[in-house]
PDB file of all heavy atoms in Angstrom:
ATOM      1  N   SER A   1      -0.634 -30.774  10.235  1.00  0.00           N
ATOM      2  CA  SER A   1       0.473 -30.065   9.679  1.00  0.00           C
ATOM      3  C   SER A   1       0.024 -28.951   8.695  1.00  0.00           C
ATOM      4  O   SER A   1      -0.920 -29.044   8.083  1.00  0.00           O
ATOM      5  CB  SER A   1       1.471 -30.946   9.059  1.00  0.00           C
ATOM      6  OG  SER A   1       2.019 -31.955   9.897  1.00  0.00           O
ATOM      7  N   LEU A   2       0.857 -27.883   8.701  1.00  0.00           N
ATOM      8  CA  LEU A   2       0.703 -26.856   7.751  1.00  0.00           C
ATOM      9  C   LEU A   2       2.063 -26.324   7.393  1.00  0.00           C
ATOM     10  O   LEU A   2       3.052 -26.443   8.186  1.00  0.00           O
ATOM     11  CB  LEU A   2      -0.168 -25.626   8.293  1.00  0.00           C
ATOM     12  CG  LEU A   2      -1.628 -25.840   8.387  1.00  0.00           C
ATOM     13  CD1 LEU A   2      -2.201 -24.647   9.091  1.00  0.00           C
ATOM     14  CD2 LEU A   2      -2.297 -25.981   7.024  1.00  0.00           C
ATOM     15  N   ARG A   3       2.242 -25.794   6.165  1.00  0.00           N
ATOM     16  CA  ARG A   3       3.458 -25.168   5.759  1.00  0.00           C
ATOM     17  C   ARG A   3       3.142 -23.728   5.320  1.00  0.00           C
ATOM     18  O   ARG A   3       2.406 -23.519   4.426  1.00  0.00           O
ATOM     19  CB  ARG A   3       4.074 -25.962   4.630  1.00  0.00           C
ATOM     20  CG  ARG A   3       5.473 -25.429   4.250  1.00  0.00           C
ATOM     21  CD  ARG A   3       6.012 -26.060   3.024  1.00  0.00           C
ATOM     22  NE  ARG A   3       7.421 -25.844   2.858  1.00  0.00           N
ATOM     23  CZ  ARG A   3       8.021 -25.739   1.623  1.00  0.00           C
ATOM     24  NH1 ARG A   3       7.260 -25.703   0.482  1.00  0.00           N
ATOM     25  NH2 ARG A   3       9.355 -25.581   1.568  1.00  0.00           N
ATOM     26  N   LEU A   4       3.697 -22.803   6.011  1.00  0.00           N
ATOM     27  CA  LEU A   4       3.553 -21.383   5.724  1.00  0.00           C
ATOM     28  C   LEU A   4       4.696 -20.900   4.850  1.00  0.00           C
ATOM     29  O   LEU A   4       5.777 -21.391   4.972  1.00  0.00           O
ATOM     30  CB  LEU A   4       3.534 -20.579   7.007  1.00  0.00           C
ATOM     31  CG  LEU A   4       2.531 -20.999   8.035  1.00  0.00           C
ATOM     32  CD1 LEU A   4       2.631 -20.004   9.228  1.00  0.00           C
ATOM     33  CD2 LEU A   4       1.156 -21.145   7.533  1.00  0.00           C
ATOM     34  N   SER A   5       4.322 -19.962   4.054  1.00  0.00           N
ATOM     35  CA  SER A   5       5.334 -19.348   3.151  1.00  0.00           C
ATOM     36  C   SER A   5       5.253 -17.821   3.322  1.00  0.00           C
ATOM     37  O   SER A   5       4.187 -17.270   3.561  1.00  0.00           O
ATOM     38  CB  SER A   5       5.054 -19.641   1.646  1.00  0.00           C
ATOM     39  OG  SER A   5       5.187 -21.039   1.401  1.00  0.00           O
ATOM     40  N   CYS A   6       6.385 -17.157   3.125  1.00  0.00           N
ATOM     41  CA  CYS A   6       6.432 -15.693   3.158  1.00  0.00           C
ATOM     42  C   CYS A   6       7.368 -15.183   2.053  1.00  0.00           C
ATOM     43  O   CYS A   6       8.585 -15.541   2.050  1.00  0.00           O
ATOM     44  CB  CYS A   6       6.943 -15.126   4.534  1.00  0.00           C
ATOM     45  SG  CYS A   6       7.373 -13.429   4.464  1.00  0.00           S
ATOM     46  N   ALA A   7       6.741 -14.573   1.043  1.00  0.00           N
ATOM     47  CA  ALA A   7       7.498 -13.992  -0.034  1.00  0.00           C
ATOM     48  C   ALA A   7       7.877 -12.504   0.209  1.00  0.00           C
ATOM     49  O   ALA A   7       6.964 -11.684   0.551  1.00  0.00           O
ATOM     50  CB  ALA A   7       6.659 -14.085  -1.338  1.00  0.00           C
ATOM     51  N   ALA A   8       9.115 -12.252   0.043  1.00  0.00           N
ATOM     52  CA  ALA A   8       9.584 -10.853   0.412  1.00  0.00           C
ATOM     53  C   ALA A   8      10.067 -10.249  -0.851  1.00  0.00           C
ATOM     54  O   ALA A   8      10.661 -10.884  -1.769  1.00  0.00           O
ATOM     55  CB  ALA A   8      10.691 -10.886   1.404  1.00  0.00           C
ATOM     56  N   SER A   9       9.757  -8.923  -0.937  1.00  0.00           N
ATOM     57  CA  SER A   9      10.298  -8.153  -2.106  1.00  0.00           C
ATOM     58  C   SER A   9      10.770  -6.827  -1.663  1.00  0.00           C
ATOM     59  O   SER A   9      10.309  -6.314  -0.615  1.00  0.00           O
ATOM     60  CB  SER A   9       9.241  -8.004  -3.218  1.00  0.00           C
ATOM     61  OG  SER A   9       8.074  -7.412  -2.697  1.00  0.00           O
ATOM     62  N   GLY A  10      11.632  -6.158  -2.429  1.00  0.00           N
ATOM     63  CA  GLY A  10      12.115  -4.865  -2.084  1.00  0.00           C
ATOM     64  C   GLY A  10      13.236  -4.832  -1.123  1.00  0.00           C
ATOM     65  O   GLY A  10      13.616  -3.752  -0.720  1.00  0.00           O
ATOM     66  N   ILE A  11      13.878  -5.999  -0.859  1.00  0.00           N
ATOM     67  CA  ILE A  11      14.991  -6.043   0.014  1.00  0.00           C
ATOM     68  C   ILE A  11      15.974  -6.999  -0.454  1.00  0.00           C
ATOM     69  O   ILE A  11      15.665  -7.926  -1.268  1.00  0.00           O
ATOM     70  CB  ILE A  11      14.523  -6.587   1.501  1.00  0.00           C
ATOM     71  CG1 ILE A  11      13.847  -7.917   1.422  1.00  0.00           C
ATOM     72  CG2 ILE A  11      13.695  -5.519   2.150  1.00  0.00           C
ATOM     73  CD1 ILE A  11      13.576  -8.606   2.673  1.00  0.00           C
ATOM     74  N   PRO A  12      17.282  -6.838  -0.082  1.00  0.00           N
ATOM     75  CA  PRO A  12      18.297  -7.872  -0.414  1.00  0.00           C
ATOM     76  C   PRO A  12      18.132  -9.007   0.566  1.00  0.00           C
ATOM     77  O   PRO A  12      18.867  -9.216   1.534  1.00  0.00           O
ATOM     78  CB  PRO A  12      19.572  -7.053  -0.196  1.00  0.00           C
ATOM     79  CG  PRO A  12      19.287  -6.100   0.807  1.00  0.00           C
ATOM     80  CD  PRO A  12      17.851  -5.658   0.601  1.00  0.00           C
ATOM     81  N   PHE A  13      17.203  -9.817   0.270  1.00  0.00           N
ATOM     82  CA  PHE A  13      16.711 -10.908   1.206  1.00  0.00           C
ATOM     83  C   PHE A  13      17.791 -11.753   1.710  1.00  0.00           C
ATOM     84  O   PHE A  13      17.779 -11.987   2.942  1.00  0.00           O
ATOM     85  CB  PHE A  13      15.706 -11.723   0.420  1.00  0.00           C
ATOM     86  CG  PHE A  13      15.091 -12.923   1.213  1.00  0.00           C
ATOM     87  CD1 PHE A  13      14.066 -12.653   2.029  1.00  0.00           C
ATOM     88  CD2 PHE A  13      15.584 -14.148   1.096  1.00  0.00           C
ATOM     89  CE1 PHE A  13      13.453 -13.733   2.777  1.00  0.00           C
ATOM     90  CE2 PHE A  13      15.077 -15.242   1.790  1.00  0.00           C
ATOM     91  CZ  PHE A  13      13.993 -14.993   2.582  1.00  0.00           C
ATOM     92  N   SER A  14      18.746 -12.168   0.940  1.00  0.00           N
ATOM     93  CA  SER A  14      19.766 -13.122   1.418  1.00  0.00           C
ATOM     94  C   SER A  14      20.616 -12.713   2.504  1.00  0.00           C
ATOM     95  O   SER A  14      21.199 -13.450   3.243  1.00  0.00           O
ATOM     96  CB  SER A  14      20.568 -13.631   0.220  1.00  0.00           C
ATOM     97  OG  SER A  14      21.292 -12.501  -0.265  1.00  0.00           O
ATOM     98  N   ILE A  15      20.709 -11.355   2.768  1.00  0.00           N
ATOM     99  CA  ILE A  15      21.605 -10.913   3.844  1.00  0.00           C
ATOM    100  C   ILE A  15      20.907 -10.781   5.205  1.00  0.00           C
ATOM    101  O   ILE A  15      21.627 -10.531   6.185  1.00  0.00           O
ATOM    102  CB  ILE A  15      22.254  -9.569   3.420  1.00  0.00           C
ATOM    103  CG1 ILE A  15      21.241  -8.429   3.470  1.00  0.00           C
ATOM    104  CG2 ILE A  15      22.939  -9.628   2.066  1.00  0.00           C
ATOM    105  CD1 ILE A  15      21.865  -7.020   3.387  1.00  0.00           C
ATOM    106  N   TYR A  16      19.579 -10.978   5.220  1.00  0.00           N
ATOM    107  CA  TYR A  16      18.877 -10.672   6.462  1.00  0.00           C
ATOM    108  C   TYR A  16      18.587 -11.985   7.159  1.00  0.00           C
ATOM    109  O   TYR A  16      18.092 -13.013   6.541  1.00  0.00           O
ATOM    110  CB  TYR A  16      17.603  -9.999   6.154  1.00  0.00           C
ATOM    111  CG  TYR A  16      17.761  -8.497   5.883  1.00  0.00           C
ATOM    112  CD1 TYR A  16      17.714  -8.056   4.589  1.00  0.00           C
ATOM    113  CD2 TYR A  16      17.904  -7.618   6.947  1.00  0.00           C
ATOM    114  CE1 TYR A  16      17.972  -6.679   4.388  1.00  0.00           C
ATOM    115  CE2 TYR A  16      18.093  -6.294   6.705  1.00  0.00           C
ATOM    116  CZ  TYR A  16      18.132  -5.746   5.380  1.00  0.00           C
ATOM    117  OH  TYR A  16      18.301  -4.465   5.145  1.00  0.00           O
ATOM    118  N   ALA A  17      18.680 -12.056   8.510  1.00  0.00           N
ATOM    119  CA  ALA A  17      18.004 -13.020   9.257  1.00  0.00           C
ATOM    120  C   ALA A  17      16.500 -12.793   9.145  1.00  0.00           C
ATOM    121  O   ALA A  17      16.036 -11.641   9.158  1.00  0.00           O
ATOM    122  CB  ALA A  17      18.445 -12.956  10.745  1.00  0.00           C
ATOM    123  N   MET A  18      15.744 -13.863   9.099  1.00  0.00           N
ATOM    124  CA  MET A  18      14.305 -13.782   9.005  1.00  0.00           C
ATOM    125  C   MET A  18      13.608 -14.483  10.152  1.00  0.00           C
ATOM    126  O   MET A  18      14.175 -15.479  10.673  1.00  0.00           O
ATOM    127  CB  MET A  18      13.811 -14.359   7.626  1.00  0.00           C
ATOM    128  CG  MET A  18      14.331 -13.592   6.446  1.00  0.00           C
ATOM    129  SD  MET A  18      13.644 -11.893   6.319  1.00  0.00           S
ATOM    130  CE  MET A  18      11.909 -12.268   6.122  1.00  0.00           C
ATOM    131  N   GLY A  19      12.436 -14.056  10.445  1.00  0.00           N
ATOM    132  CA  GLY A  19      11.720 -14.700  11.515  1.00  0.00           C
ATOM    133  C   GLY A  19      10.239 -14.892  11.243  1.00  0.00           C
ATOM    134  O   GLY A  19       9.719 -14.194  10.366  1.00  0.00           O
ATOM    135  N   TRP A  20       9.621 -15.837  11.917  1.00  0.00           N
ATOM    136  CA  TRP A  20       8.244 -16.032  11.943  1.00  0.00           C
ATOM    137  C   TRP A  20       7.747 -15.632  13.394  1.00  0.00           C
ATOM    138  O   TRP A  20       8.242 -16.003  14.362  1.00  0.00           O
ATOM    139  CB  TRP A  20       7.842 -17.419  11.661  1.00  0.00           C
ATOM    140  CG  TRP A  20       7.861 -17.853  10.156  1.00  0.00           C
ATOM    141  CD1 TRP A  20       8.822 -18.403   9.509  1.00  0.00           C
ATOM    142  CD2 TRP A  20       6.758 -17.548   9.219  1.00  0.00           C
ATOM    143  NE1 TRP A  20       8.465 -18.542   8.183  1.00  0.00           N
ATOM    144  CE2 TRP A  20       7.191 -18.004   7.979  1.00  0.00           C
ATOM    145  CE3 TRP A  20       5.519 -16.925   9.360  1.00  0.00           C
ATOM    146  CZ2 TRP A  20       6.456 -17.911   6.815  1.00  0.00           C
ATOM    147  CZ3 TRP A  20       4.766 -16.815   8.161  1.00  0.00           C
ATOM    148  CH2 TRP A  20       5.161 -17.296   6.977  1.00  0.00           C
ATOM    149  N   TYR A  21       6.607 -14.893  13.338  1.00  0.00           N
ATOM    150  CA  TYR A  21       6.014 -14.396  14.550  1.00  0.00           C
ATOM    151  C   TYR A  21       4.565 -14.762  14.536  1.00  0.00           C
ATOM    152  O   TYR A  21       3.948 -15.083  13.513  1.00  0.00           O
ATOM    153  CB  TYR A  21       6.038 -12.868  14.551  1.00  0.00           C
ATOM    154  CG  TYR A  21       7.472 -12.283  14.475  1.00  0.00           C
ATOM    155  CD1 TYR A  21       8.175 -12.224  13.311  1.00  0.00           C
ATOM    156  CD2 TYR A  21       8.063 -11.733  15.553  1.00  0.00           C
ATOM    157  CE1 TYR A  21       9.400 -11.721  13.186  1.00  0.00           C
ATOM    158  CE2 TYR A  21       9.388 -11.230  15.533  1.00  0.00           C
ATOM    159  CZ  TYR A  21      10.051 -11.188  14.306  1.00  0.00           C
ATOM    160  OH  TYR A  21      11.277 -10.721  14.262  1.00  0.00           O
ATOM    161  N   ARG A  22       3.937 -14.781  15.684  1.00  0.00           N
ATOM    162  CA  ARG A  22       2.500 -15.003  15.741  1.00  0.00           C
ATOM    163  C   ARG A  22       1.872 -14.168  16.825  1.00  0.00           C
ATOM    164  O   ARG A  22       2.545 -13.781  17.841  1.00  0.00           O
ATOM    165  CB  ARG A  22       2.238 -16.537  16.085  1.00  0.00           C
ATOM    166  CG  ARG A  22       2.653 -16.988  17.382  1.00  0.00           C
ATOM    167  CD  ARG A  22       2.428 -18.557  17.436  1.00  0.00           C
ATOM    168  NE  ARG A  22       2.769 -19.093  18.799  1.00  0.00           N
ATOM    169  CZ  ARG A  22       2.808 -20.385  19.075  1.00  0.00           C
ATOM    170  NH1 ARG A  22       2.547 -21.253  18.112  1.00  0.00           N
ATOM    171  NH2 ARG A  22       3.159 -20.856  20.259  1.00  0.00           N
ATOM    172  N   GLN A  23       0.584 -13.935  16.649  1.00  0.00           N
ATOM    173  CA  GLN A  23      -0.127 -13.025  17.484  1.00  0.00           C
ATOM    174  C   GLN A  23      -1.560 -13.510  17.679  1.00  0.00           C
ATOM    175  O   GLN A  23      -2.226 -13.865  16.677  1.00  0.00           O
ATOM    176  CB  GLN A  23      -0.120 -11.632  16.972  1.00  0.00           C
ATOM    177  CG  GLN A  23      -0.731 -10.598  17.941  1.00  0.00           C
ATOM    178  CD  GLN A  23      -0.535  -9.133  17.422  1.00  0.00           C
ATOM    179  OE1 GLN A  23      -0.452  -8.866  16.180  1.00  0.00           O
ATOM    180  NE2 GLN A  23      -0.473  -8.176  18.344  1.00  0.00           N
ATOM    181  N   VAL A  24      -2.024 -13.519  18.873  1.00  0.00           N
ATOM    182  CA  VAL A  24      -3.418 -13.753  19.207  1.00  0.00           C
ATOM    183  C   VAL A  24      -4.022 -12.478  19.656  1.00  0.00           C
ATOM    184  O   VAL A  24      -3.380 -11.652  20.232  1.00  0.00           O
ATOM    185  CB  VAL A  24      -3.584 -14.938  20.202  1.00  0.00           C
ATOM    186  CG1 VAL A  24      -3.096 -16.217  19.672  1.00  0.00           C
ATOM    187  CG2 VAL A  24      -2.984 -14.598  21.549  1.00  0.00           C
ATOM    188  N   PRO A  25      -5.337 -12.367  19.457  1.00  0.00           N
ATOM    189  CA  PRO A  25      -6.025 -11.064  19.882  1.00  0.00           C
ATOM    190  C   PRO A  25      -5.713 -10.767  21.381  1.00  0.00           C
ATOM    191  O   PRO A  25      -5.823 -11.635  22.254  1.00  0.00           O
ATOM    192  CB  PRO A  25      -7.475 -11.383  19.691  1.00  0.00           C
ATOM    193  CG  PRO A  25      -7.504 -12.421  18.549  1.00  0.00           C
ATOM    194  CD  PRO A  25      -6.256 -13.244  18.814  1.00  0.00           C
TER     195      PRO A  25
END
């Protein structure tokens, strides 16, 4: 298991839907 975090700044965070994405080469 792992737990990822994403800290956002410069936006009114609470009003946005947020997503996690991933990419392989």
